[in-house]
């Protein structure tokens, strides 16, 4: 392992650092993007029942806001429920923007790793090939085994860069798709709350 790292030249440590960063982000996002924790499935129904039973006091509203991202969005709307439909929607949209920003945390870094590691690998290969051709200029092509070994070592960085970039890109796409799905669920629950409070039509939570 150490020989492979040493053969890759000074570029290889940067690729290793990128791989560690990508792995750490993937592990953190795997636990952070838990849909059950972000949007508890029965939270809106519970909130609606509390409203019908006599409303939400300040403490319950605070607990709702701190309980989950969906709770924070619903609490923002409930805090302005007496200001009209549009004000309520605006407050929900502002809270949702903060939630989405937190959901997308570190994804830009993961995308950057996916983009730069192939370039780092290519840079290492180019530098290695320059060294190989410098050896050819100095000593000629008499020893084919040495030349083949030099070219093989030069290509190590490209292989390492791609080995980091491909999984990073796949996970970036995966987490982006998961966030889009979560955002749709959050929007749907928020719209249900607005409609329930500012609509004369019977909602699904009414008996």
Foldseek 3Di string as FASTA:
>chain_A
DVVLQVLLPPLSVVLVVLLVLLVVVLVVLVVVLDLCQAPPPCVLLVQVVCCVVPHDDPVNLVCQCPRHLLSVLQSQLSVCLVVDLVNSVVSSVVSLVVVLVVSCPCLVVLLVLLPCQLVSLVVSLVVLVVVLVVCCVVPNCPDVVVSVVSNVSSNSSNVSSNVRNPVSVVSSVVSVVSSVVSSVVSVVSSVLVSCCSPDPDDHPSDD
